[in-house]
Amino acid sequence: IEELVDANEKRLYRVAKFIHRARSKYQTIDVVSLVNHGRTLLLDGVPRVFESDEYIYHEALIHPLIALSSTTPRNVLVIGDGDGGGIREILKYADIERLHWVEIDEQVVEVCREHLGCLPRPMYDDPRLTIHIMDGVDYVRRTEEVFDAVYLSGTEIGTVECADRLFLGELYDQVGRILSDSGLVVQSMAPVTPALVEPFAERVSRLSQHFCEVLPYRVGLPAFGIDWGFAVATAQAGGFVAPKVPTVDTQFYDLAAHRAMFCLPKYMS
């Protein structure tokens, strides 16, 4: 199988075994076993989750927000994250009282639950978790809930049409409406390399037009062979605190990793 970095570059992976295929009304969903990376989720033939190091992406997505928050979030919203790795990380925190997970493709959730061993089965039965199978933008527009943390982790732009809407100003305004006074939002953005930094910079700039303070950061994803960019935002001036030491078990994320992720190279400035 192959992963396109862009129109001019790709990576190839050797498949050891084909495990499962499903088709939803949105996309083709495959689980394969790769020689170097174990079980891997493919959406429309494109690798999305590698069992070998998925924890790096998911820990980078979830834990920095909590480390920078003045209080531990109690009510949390996740848009996307169909594989559920981010849900696993959030549920590690005992102080989380309610977690709303909004994912448009139920088949992705079910396939990952059944076939990805990195996701603990009991998490799906956690009483704090409510799963909403619907469009995330529509959920945010309709809900009257107030959230202490909002995570936006949609499929990369251009793969599933509905994911494109996660980068629009309308959504950011609605997220600002449902954030608590001390609430923070994180968005998974785009690859970041010297050759590909412009789309990331444009998305961070757009987010900055709707929130008071925005901090970009990035993490290396070995199986993808690329750095991936994120941004955390607050609607309040002074909404970030000095990062706290994580209080849950992690495989990658700690205070040193946090500082490294937010120490950006000059080409990302």
C-alpha atoms as a PDB file:
ATOM      1  CA  ILE A   1       0.000   0.000   0.000  1.00  0.00           C
ATOM      2  CA  GLU A   2       1.072   3.601  -0.425  1.00  0.00           C
ATOM      3  CA  GLU A   3       0.696   6.886   1.439  1.00  0.00           C
ATOM      4  CA  LEU A   4       0.863  10.066  -0.617  1.00  0.00           C
ATOM      5  CA  VAL A   5       2.715  12.872   1.136  1.00  0.00           C
ATOM      6  CA  ASP A   6       1.680  15.162  -1.719  1.00  0.00           C
ATOM      7  CA  ALA A   7       1.339  14.864  -5.491  1.00  0.00           C
ATOM      8  CA  ASN A   8       5.119  14.453  -5.835  1.00  0.00           C
ATOM      9  CA  GLU A   9       6.033  12.139  -2.970  1.00  0.00           C
ATOM     10  CA  LYS A  10       4.789   8.879  -1.462  1.00  0.00           C
ATOM     11  CA  ARG A  11       5.738   6.156   1.003  1.00  0.00           C
ATOM     12  CA  LEU A  12       5.257   2.432   0.445  1.00  0.00           C
ATOM     13  CA  TYR A  13       4.394  -0.209   3.068  1.00  0.00           C
ATOM     14  CA  ARG A  14       4.586  -3.992   2.734  1.00  0.00           C
ATOM     15  CA  VAL A  15       1.371  -5.781   3.682  1.00  0.00           C
ATOM     16  CA  ALA A  16       1.683  -9.017   5.667  1.00  0.00           C
ATOM     17  CA  LYS A  17      -2.041  -9.821   5.838  1.00  0.00           C
ATOM     18  CA  PHE A  18      -5.428  -8.403   4.883  1.00  0.00           C
ATOM     19  CA  ILE A  19      -7.707  -8.620   7.915  1.00  0.00           C
ATOM     20  CA  HIS A  20     -11.014  -6.886   7.243  1.00  0.00           C
ATOM     21  CA  ARG A  21     -12.833  -4.733   4.699  1.00  0.00           C
ATOM     22  CA  ALA A  22     -16.049  -2.752   5.088  1.00  0.00           C
ATOM     23  CA  ARG A  23     -17.773  -0.081   3.021  1.00  0.00           C
ATOM     24  CA  SER A  24     -19.766   2.726   4.543  1.00  0.00           C
ATOM     25  CA  LYS A  25     -21.712   5.384   2.663  1.00  0.00           C
ATOM     26  CA  TYR A  26     -18.681   7.650   3.113  1.00  0.00           C
ATOM     27  CA  GLN A  27     -15.615   5.504   2.416  1.00  0.00           C
ATOM     28  CA  THR A  28     -13.946   2.105   2.173  1.00  0.00           C
ATOM     29  CA  ILE A  29     -12.549   0.912   5.516  1.00  0.00           C
ATOM     30  CA  ASP A  30      -9.732  -1.650   5.618  1.00  0.00           C
ATOM     31  CA  VAL A  31      -7.686  -3.160   8.410  1.00  0.00           C
ATOM     32  CA  VAL A  32      -4.429  -4.772   7.312  1.00  0.00           C
ATOM     33  CA  SER A  33      -1.333  -6.030   9.073  1.00  0.00           C
ATOM     34  CA  LEU A  34       1.874  -4.354   7.882  1.00  0.00           C
ATOM     35  CA  VAL A  35       5.265  -6.018   8.210  1.00  0.00           C
ATOM     36  CA  ASN A  36       6.823  -3.144  10.187  1.00  0.00           C
ATOM     37  CA  HIS A  37       3.796  -1.534  11.809  1.00  0.00           C
ATOM     38  CA  GLY A  38       1.267  -4.210  12.774  1.00  0.00           C
ATOM     39  CA  ARG A  39      -2.440  -3.609  12.360  1.00  0.00           C
ATOM     40  CA  THR A  40      -3.220  -0.500  10.358  1.00  0.00           C
ATOM     41  CA  LEU A  41      -6.459   1.324   9.527  1.00  0.00           C
ATOM     42  CA  LEU A  42      -6.912   2.448   5.913  1.00  0.00           C
ATOM     43  CA  LEU A  43      -9.644   4.833   4.765  1.00  0.00           C
ATOM     44  CA  ASP A  44     -10.166   4.731   1.005  1.00  0.00           C
ATOM     45  CA  GLY A  45      -6.835   2.913   0.788  1.00  0.00           C
ATOM     46  CA  VAL A  46      -4.903   5.604   2.708  1.00  0.00           C
ATOM     47  CA  PRO A  47      -3.171   4.662   6.010  1.00  0.00           C
ATOM     48  CA  ARG A  48      -4.687   6.545   8.958  1.00  0.00           C
ATOM     49  CA  VAL A  49      -3.718   4.627  12.110  1.00  0.00           C
ATOM     50  CA  PHE A  50      -0.605   2.486  12.608  1.00  0.00           C
ATOM     51  CA  GLU A  51      -0.757   0.226  15.660  1.00  0.00           C
ATOM     52  CA  SER A  52       3.022   0.532  16.063  1.00  0.00           C
ATOM     53  CA  ASP A  53       2.977   4.203  17.088  1.00  0.00           C
ATOM     54  CA  GLU A  54      -0.598   5.542  17.030  1.00  0.00           C
ATOM     55  CA  TYR A  55      -0.165   6.529  20.674  1.00  0.00           C
ATOM     56  CA  ILE A  56       2.213   9.350  19.653  1.00  0.00           C
ATOM     57  CA  TYR A  57      -0.454  11.129  17.607  1.00  0.00           C
ATOM     58  CA  HIS A  58      -3.239  10.528  20.108  1.00  0.00           C
ATOM     59  CA  GLU A  59      -1.213  11.569  23.155  1.00  0.00           C
ATOM     60  CA  ALA A  60      -0.046  14.701  21.305  1.00  0.00           C
ATOM     61  CA  LEU A  61      -3.651  15.495  20.399  1.00  0.00           C
ATOM     62  CA  ILE A  62      -5.128  15.081  23.884  1.00  0.00           C
ATOM     63  CA  HIS A  63      -2.667  15.770  26.700  1.00  0.00           C
ATOM     64  CA  PRO A  64      -1.207  19.227  25.866  1.00  0.00           C
ATOM     65  CA  LEU A  65      -4.627  20.876  26.219  1.00  0.00           C
ATOM     66  CA  ILE A  66      -5.109  19.380  29.668  1.00  0.00           C
ATOM     67  CA  ALA A  67      -1.572  20.352  30.679  1.00  0.00           C
ATOM     68  CA  LEU A  68      -2.199  23.972  29.630  1.00  0.00           C
ATOM     69  CA  SER A  69      -5.665  24.273  31.162  1.00  0.00           C
ATOM     70  CA  SER A  70      -6.150  26.179  34.424  1.00  0.00           C
ATOM     71  CA  THR A  71      -8.516  23.430  35.630  1.00  0.00           C
ATOM     72  CA  THR A  72      -8.985  19.817  34.598  1.00  0.00           C
ATOM     73  CA  PRO A  73     -11.812  19.692  32.039  1.00  0.00           C
ATOM     74  CA  ARG A  74     -15.013  18.086  33.296  1.00  0.00           C
ATOM     75  CA  ASN A  75     -17.188  18.140  30.187  1.00  0.00           C
ATOM     76  CA  VAL A  76     -15.352  17.290  26.950  1.00  0.00           C
ATOM     77  CA  LEU A  77     -16.354  17.200  23.280  1.00  0.00           C
ATOM     78  CA  VAL A  78     -14.488  15.287  20.556  1.00  0.00           C
ATOM     79  CA  ILE A  79     -15.364  15.777  16.884  1.00  0.00           C
ATOM     80  CA  GLY A  80     -13.947  13.033  14.685  1.00  0.00           C
ATOM     81  CA  ASP A  81     -11.239  10.673  15.989  1.00  0.00           C
ATOM     82  CA  GLY A  82     -13.165   7.786  14.455  1.00  0.00           C
ATOM     83  CA  ASP A  83     -10.582   5.201  15.500  1.00  0.00           C
ATOM     84  CA  GLY A  84     -11.059   6.148  19.168  1.00  0.00           C
ATOM     85  CA  GLY A  85      -7.441   6.551  20.234  1.00  0.00           C
ATOM     86  CA  GLY A  86      -8.096  10.060  21.541  1.00  0.00           C
ATOM     87  CA  ILE A  87     -11.130   8.792  23.468  1.00  0.00           C
ATOM     88  CA  ARG A  88      -8.896   6.233  25.180  1.00  0.00           C
ATOM     89  CA  GLU A  89      -6.521   8.991  26.290  1.00  0.00           C
ATOM     90  CA  ILE A  90      -9.253  11.301  27.644  1.00  0.00           C
ATOM     91  CA  LEU A  91     -10.886   8.530  29.671  1.00  0.00           C
ATOM     92  CA  LYS A  92      -7.616   8.004  31.559  1.00  0.00           C
ATOM     93  CA  TYR A  93      -8.456  11.142  33.574  1.00  0.00           C
ATOM     94  CA  ALA A  94     -10.652  10.330  36.563  1.00  0.00           C
ATOM     95  CA  ASP A  95     -11.816  13.966  36.809  1.00  0.00           C
ATOM     96  CA  ILE A  96     -13.522  13.801  33.409  1.00  0.00           C
ATOM     97  CA  GLU A  97     -17.251  13.633  34.140  1.00  0.00           C
ATOM     98  CA  ARG A  98     -18.771  13.597  30.640  1.00  0.00           C
ATOM     99  CA  LEU A  99     -17.279  12.883  27.231  1.00  0.00           C
ATOM    100  CA  HIS A 100     -19.313  13.462  24.066  1.00  0.00           C
ATOM    101  CA  TRP A 101     -17.829  11.790  20.992  1.00  0.00           C
ATOM    102  CA  VAL A 102     -19.257  12.886  17.642  1.00  0.00           C
ATOM    103  CA  GLU A 103     -18.279  10.784  14.627  1.00  0.00           C
ATOM    104  CA  ILE A 104     -20.091  10.791  11.307  1.00  0.00           C
ATOM    105  CA  ASP A 105     -19.104   7.268  10.183  1.00  0.00           C
ATOM    106  CA  GLU A 106     -20.403   4.584  12.541  1.00  0.00           C
ATOM    107  CA  GLN A 107     -18.696   1.865  10.499  1.00  0.00           C
ATOM    108  CA  VAL A 108     -15.251   3.314  11.306  1.00  0.00           C
ATOM    109  CA  VAL A 109     -16.035   3.194  15.018  1.00  0.00           C
ATOM    110  CA  GLU A 110     -17.265  -0.402  14.819  1.00  0.00           C
ATOM    111  CA  VAL A 111     -14.401  -1.673  12.646  1.00  0.00           C
ATOM    112  CA  CYS A 112     -11.781  -0.123  14.945  1.00  0.00           C
ATOM    113  CA  ARG A 113     -13.539  -1.439  18.043  1.00  0.00           C
ATOM    114  CA  GLU A 114     -13.498  -4.944  16.616  1.00  0.00           C
ATOM    115  CA  HIS A 115     -10.114  -5.086  14.902  1.00  0.00           C
ATOM    116  CA  LEU A 116      -7.641  -2.638  16.489  1.00  0.00           C
ATOM    117  CA  GLY A 117      -6.100  -4.212  19.573  1.00  0.00           C
ATOM    118  CA  CYS A 118      -4.644  -0.906  20.783  1.00  0.00           C
ATOM    119  CA  LEU A 119      -8.140   0.214  21.823  1.00  0.00           C
ATOM    120  CA  PRO A 120      -9.352  -1.289  25.121  1.00  0.00           C
ATOM    121  CA  ARG A 121     -12.833  -2.770  24.725  1.00  0.00           C
ATOM    122  CA  PRO A 122     -14.074  -1.564  28.160  1.00  0.00           C
ATOM    123  CA  MET A 123     -13.719   2.097  27.146  1.00  0.00           C
ATOM    124  CA  TYR A 124     -16.786   1.831  24.914  1.00  0.00           C
ATOM    125  CA  ASP A 125     -18.887   0.925  27.963  1.00  0.00           C
ATOM    126  CA  ASP A 126     -17.550   3.724  30.180  1.00  0.00           C
ATOM    127  CA  PRO A 127     -20.640   5.470  31.624  1.00  0.00           C
ATOM    128  CA  ARG A 128     -19.016   8.874  31.073  1.00  0.00           C
ATOM    129  CA  LEU A 129     -18.942   8.329  27.294  1.00  0.00           C
ATOM    130  CA  THR A 130     -21.787   9.231  24.937  1.00  0.00           C
ATOM    131  CA  ILE A 131     -21.335   8.487  21.229  1.00  0.00           C
ATOM    132  CA  HIS A 132     -23.228  10.596  18.697  1.00  0.00           C
ATOM    133  CA  ILE A 133     -23.241   9.272  15.122  1.00  0.00           C
ATOM    134  CA  MET A 134     -23.778  12.470  13.145  1.00  0.00           C
ATOM    135  CA  ASP A 135     -22.037  15.342  11.406  1.00  0.00           C
ATOM    136  CA  GLY A 136     -19.824  17.195  13.885  1.00  0.00           C
ATOM    137  CA  VAL A 137     -20.549  20.674  12.529  1.00  0.00           C
ATOM    138  CA  ASP A 138     -24.285  20.057  12.857  1.00  0.00           C
ATOM    139  CA  TYR A 139     -23.815  18.825  16.423  1.00  0.00           C
ATOM    140  CA  VAL A 140     -21.880  21.935  17.432  1.00  0.00           C
ATOM    141  CA  ARG A 141     -24.465  24.179  15.781  1.00  0.00           C
ATOM    142  CA  ARG A 142     -27.379  22.524  17.632  1.00  0.00           C
ATOM    143  CA  THR A 143     -26.003  21.738  21.082  1.00  0.00           C
ATOM    144  CA  GLU A 144     -26.713  23.880  24.135  1.00  0.00           C
ATOM    145  CA  GLU A 145     -24.066  22.102  26.236  1.00  0.00           C
ATOM    146  CA  VAL A 146     -21.054  24.022  27.518  1.00  0.00           C
ATOM    147  CA  PHE A 147     -17.675  22.278  27.248  1.00  0.00           C
ATOM    148  CA  ASP A 148     -14.374  22.777  29.040  1.00  0.00           C
ATOM    149  CA  ALA A 149     -12.418  21.182  26.192  1.00  0.00           C
ATOM    150  CA  VAL A 150     -13.178  20.684  22.497  1.00  0.00           C
ATOM    151  CA  TYR A 151     -11.049  18.459  20.251  1.00  0.00           C
ATOM    152  CA  LEU A 152     -11.320  18.661  16.454  1.00  0.00           C
ATOM    153  CA  SER A 153      -9.732  15.646  14.785  1.00  0.00           C
ATOM    154  CA  GLY A 154     -11.320  15.106  11.399  1.00  0.00           C
ATOM    155  CA  THR A 155     -10.051  13.143   8.445  1.00  0.00           C
ATOM    156  CA  GLU A 156      -7.516  15.120   6.438  1.00  0.00           C
ATOM    157  CA  ILE A 157      -9.095  17.663   4.137  1.00  0.00           C
ATOM    158  CA  GLY A 158     -10.097  16.326   0.734  1.00  0.00           C
ATOM    159  CA  THR A 159     -10.558  12.695   1.790  1.00  0.00           C
ATOM    160  CA  VAL A 160     -14.045  12.900   3.276  1.00  0.00           C
ATOM    161  CA  GLU A 161     -15.999  15.935   2.136  1.00  0.00           C
ATOM    162  CA  CYS A 162     -17.638  16.560   5.518  1.00  0.00           C
ATOM    163  CA  ALA A 163     -14.206  16.871   7.163  1.00  0.00           C
ATOM    164  CA  ASP A 164     -13.470  19.999   5.100  1.00  0.00           C
ATOM    165  CA  ARG A 165     -16.036  21.871   7.201  1.00  0.00           C
ATOM    166  CA  LEU A 166     -13.892  21.418  10.310  1.00  0.00           C
ATOM    167  CA  PHE A 167     -11.612  24.184   9.001  1.00  0.00           C
ATOM    168  CA  LEU A 168     -14.283  26.838   8.425  1.00  0.00           C
ATOM    169  CA  GLY A 169     -14.809  30.024  10.394  1.00  0.00           C
ATOM    170  CA  GLU A 170     -18.469  29.175  11.007  1.00  0.00           C
ATOM    171  CA  LEU A 171     -17.435  26.143  13.052  1.00  0.00           C
ATOM    172  CA  TYR A 172     -14.882  28.134  15.045  1.00  0.00           C
ATOM    173  CA  ASP A 173     -17.539  30.704  15.961  1.00  0.00           C
ATOM    174  CA  GLN A 174     -19.877  27.952  17.115  1.00  0.00           C
ATOM    175  CA  VAL A 175     -17.106  26.272  19.137  1.00  0.00           C
ATOM    176  CA  GLY A 176     -16.426  29.602  20.826  1.00  0.00           C
ATOM    177  CA  ARG A 177     -20.119  29.776  21.732  1.00  0.00           C
ATOM    178  CA  ILE A 178     -20.080  26.421  23.555  1.00  0.00           C
ATOM    179  CA  LEU A 179     -16.737  26.840  25.358  1.00  0.00           C
ATOM    180  CA  SER A 180     -16.719  27.551  29.073  1.00  0.00           C
ATOM    181  CA  ASP A 181     -14.916  30.693  30.258  1.00  0.00           C
ATOM    182  CA  SER A 182     -11.711  28.735  30.877  1.00  0.00           C
ATOM    183  CA  GLY A 183     -12.269  26.305  27.995  1.00  0.00           C
ATOM    184  CA  LEU A 184      -9.659  25.364  25.392  1.00  0.00           C
ATOM    185  CA  VAL A 185      -9.881  23.884  21.913  1.00  0.00           C
ATOM    186  CA  VAL A 186      -7.344  21.768  20.005  1.00  0.00           C
ATOM    187  CA  GLN A 187      -7.376  21.077  16.294  1.00  0.00           C
ATOM    188  CA  SER A 188      -5.395  18.521  14.336  1.00  0.00           C
ATOM    189  CA  MET A 189      -4.168  20.565  11.384  1.00  0.00           C
ATOM    190  CA  ALA A 190      -1.846  19.254   8.665  1.00  0.00           C
ATOM    191  CA  PRO A 191       1.624  17.905   7.870  1.00  0.00           C
ATOM    192  CA  VAL A 192       4.448  20.332   8.591  1.00  0.00           C
ATOM    193  CA  THR A 193       7.711  20.181   6.668  1.00  0.00           C
ATOM    194  CA  PRO A 194       9.623  23.032   4.995  1.00  0.00           C
ATOM    195  CA  ALA A 195       7.936  22.054   1.716  1.00  0.00           C
ATOM    196  CA  LEU A 196       4.430  21.697   3.187  1.00  0.00           C
ATOM    197  CA  VAL A 197       4.304  24.358   5.890  1.00  0.00           C
ATOM    198  CA  GLU A 198       2.035  26.802   4.020  1.00  0.00           C
ATOM    199  CA  PRO A 199      -1.291  24.891   4.420  1.00  0.00           C
ATOM    200  CA  PHE A 200      -0.561  24.467   8.132  1.00  0.00           C
ATOM    201  CA  ALA A 201       0.240  28.168   8.514  1.00  0.00           C
ATOM    202  CA  GLU A 202      -2.970  29.139   6.683  1.00  0.00           C
ATOM    203  CA  ARG A 203      -5.101  26.978   8.985  1.00  0.00           C
ATOM    204  CA  VAL A 204      -3.440  28.325  12.126  1.00  0.00           C
ATOM    205  CA  SER A 205      -3.985  31.860  10.835  1.00  0.00           C
ATOM    206  CA  ARG A 206      -7.671  31.137  10.226  1.00  0.00           C
ATOM    207  CA  LEU A 207      -8.070  29.724  13.736  1.00  0.00           C
ATOM    208  CA  SER A 208      -6.355  32.828  15.137  1.00  0.00           C
ATOM    209  CA  GLN A 209      -9.039  35.023  13.585  1.00  0.00           C
ATOM    210  CA  HIS A 210     -11.644  33.457  15.875  1.00  0.00           C
ATOM    211  CA  PHE A 211      -9.780  32.891  19.171  1.00  0.00           C
ATOM    212  CA  CYS A 212      -7.868  35.219  21.461  1.00  0.00           C
ATOM    213  CA  GLU A 213      -4.674  33.166  21.781  1.00  0.00           C
ATOM    214  CA  VAL A 214      -3.436  30.278  19.606  1.00  0.00           C
ATOM    215  CA  LEU A 215      -0.366  28.112  20.188  1.00  0.00           C
ATOM    216  CA  PRO A 216       0.787  25.897  17.300  1.00  0.00           C
ATOM    217  CA  TYR A 217       2.802  22.740  17.970  1.00  0.00           C
ATOM    218  CA  ARG A 218       3.962  19.650  16.150  1.00  0.00           C
ATOM    219  CA  VAL A 219       5.050  16.069  16.703  1.00  0.00           C
ATOM    220  CA  GLY A 220       7.012  13.572  14.627  1.00  0.00           C
ATOM    221  CA  LEU A 221       5.049  10.521  13.455  1.00  0.00           C
ATOM    222  CA  PRO A 222       7.611   7.813  12.598  1.00  0.00           C
ATOM    223  CA  ALA A 223       5.294   5.473  10.699  1.00  0.00           C
ATOM    224  CA  PHE A 224       4.161   8.339   8.464  1.00  0.00           C
ATOM    225  CA  GLY A 225       7.711   9.681   8.138  1.00  0.00           C
ATOM    226  CA  ILE A 226       6.522  13.246   8.695  1.00  0.00           C
ATOM    227  CA  ASP A 227       5.802  15.859  11.357  1.00  0.00           C
ATOM    228  CA  TRP A 228       2.152  16.602  12.070  1.00  0.00           C
ATOM    229  CA  GLY A 229       0.899  19.992  13.209  1.00  0.00           C
ATOM    230  CA  PHE A 230      -1.732  20.937  15.789  1.00  0.00           C
ATOM    231  CA  ALA A 231      -2.926  24.146  17.413  1.00  0.00           C
ATOM    232  CA  VAL A 232      -4.460  24.804  20.835  1.00  0.00           C
ATOM    233  CA  ALA A 233      -6.598  27.909  21.316  1.00  0.00           C
ATOM    234  CA  THR A 234      -8.393  29.871  24.022  1.00  0.00           C
ATOM    235  CA  ALA A 235     -11.115  32.487  23.761  1.00  0.00           C
ATOM    236  CA  GLN A 236      -9.792  34.320  26.824  1.00  0.00           C
ATOM    237  CA  ALA A 237      -6.600  36.372  27.162  1.00  0.00           C
ATOM    238  CA  GLY A 238      -4.264  34.614  29.573  1.00  0.00           C
ATOM    239  CA  GLY A 239      -6.188  31.388  29.108  1.00  0.00           C
ATOM    240  CA  PHE A 240      -3.087  29.165  29.198  1.00  0.00           C
ATOM    241  CA  VAL A 241      -1.119  28.206  32.306  1.00  0.00           C
ATOM    242  CA  ALA A 242       2.409  26.800  32.551  1.00  0.00           C
ATOM    243  CA  PRO A 243       2.265  23.147  31.465  1.00  0.00           C
ATOM    244  CA  LYS A 244       1.619  20.674  34.266  1.00  0.00           C
ATOM    245  CA  VAL A 245       3.179  17.237  34.642  1.00  0.00           C
ATOM    246  CA  PRO A 246       0.701  14.637  33.297  1.00  0.00           C
ATOM    247  CA  THR A 247      -1.081  12.650  35.986  1.00  0.00           C
ATOM    248  CA  VAL A 248      -1.930   9.630  33.813  1.00  0.00           C
ATOM    249  CA  ASP A 249       0.116   6.840  32.260  1.00  0.00           C
ATOM    250  CA  THR A 250       1.473   7.587  28.785  1.00  0.00           C
ATOM    251  CA  GLN A 251       3.900   5.957  26.372  1.00  0.00           C
ATOM    252  CA  PHE A 252       5.193   9.138  24.738  1.00  0.00           C
ATOM    253  CA  TYR A 253       3.895  12.317  26.328  1.00  0.00           C
ATOM    254  CA  ASP A 254       5.605  13.911  29.317  1.00  0.00           C
ATOM    255  CA  LEU A 255       6.738  17.412  30.243  1.00  0.00           C
ATOM    256  CA  ALA A 256       9.919  17.115  28.157  1.00  0.00           C
ATOM    257  CA  ALA A 257       7.925  15.957  25.123  1.00  0.00           C
ATOM    258  CA  HIS A 258       5.491  18.824  25.666  1.00  0.00           C
ATOM    259  CA  ARG A 259       8.253  21.415  25.635  1.00  0.00           C
ATOM    260  CA  ALA A 260       9.804  19.866  22.531  1.00  0.00           C
ATOM    261  CA  MET A 261       6.476  19.922  20.653  1.00  0.00           C
ATOM    262  CA  PHE A 262       5.983  23.636  21.343  1.00  0.00           C
ATOM    263  CA  CYS A 263       9.597  24.534  20.485  1.00  0.00           C
ATOM    264  CA  LEU A 264       9.061  25.218  16.794  1.00  0.00           C
ATOM    265  CA  PRO A 265      11.713  25.455  14.068  1.00  0.00           C
ATOM    266  CA  LYS A 266      12.184  28.834  12.394  1.00  0.00           C
ATOM    267  CA  TYR A 267      10.432  27.728   9.199  1.00  0.00           C
ATOM    268  CA  MET A 268       7.203  27.364  11.229  1.00  0.00           C
ATOM    269  CA  SER A 269       7.459  30.834  12.775  1.00  0.00           C
END
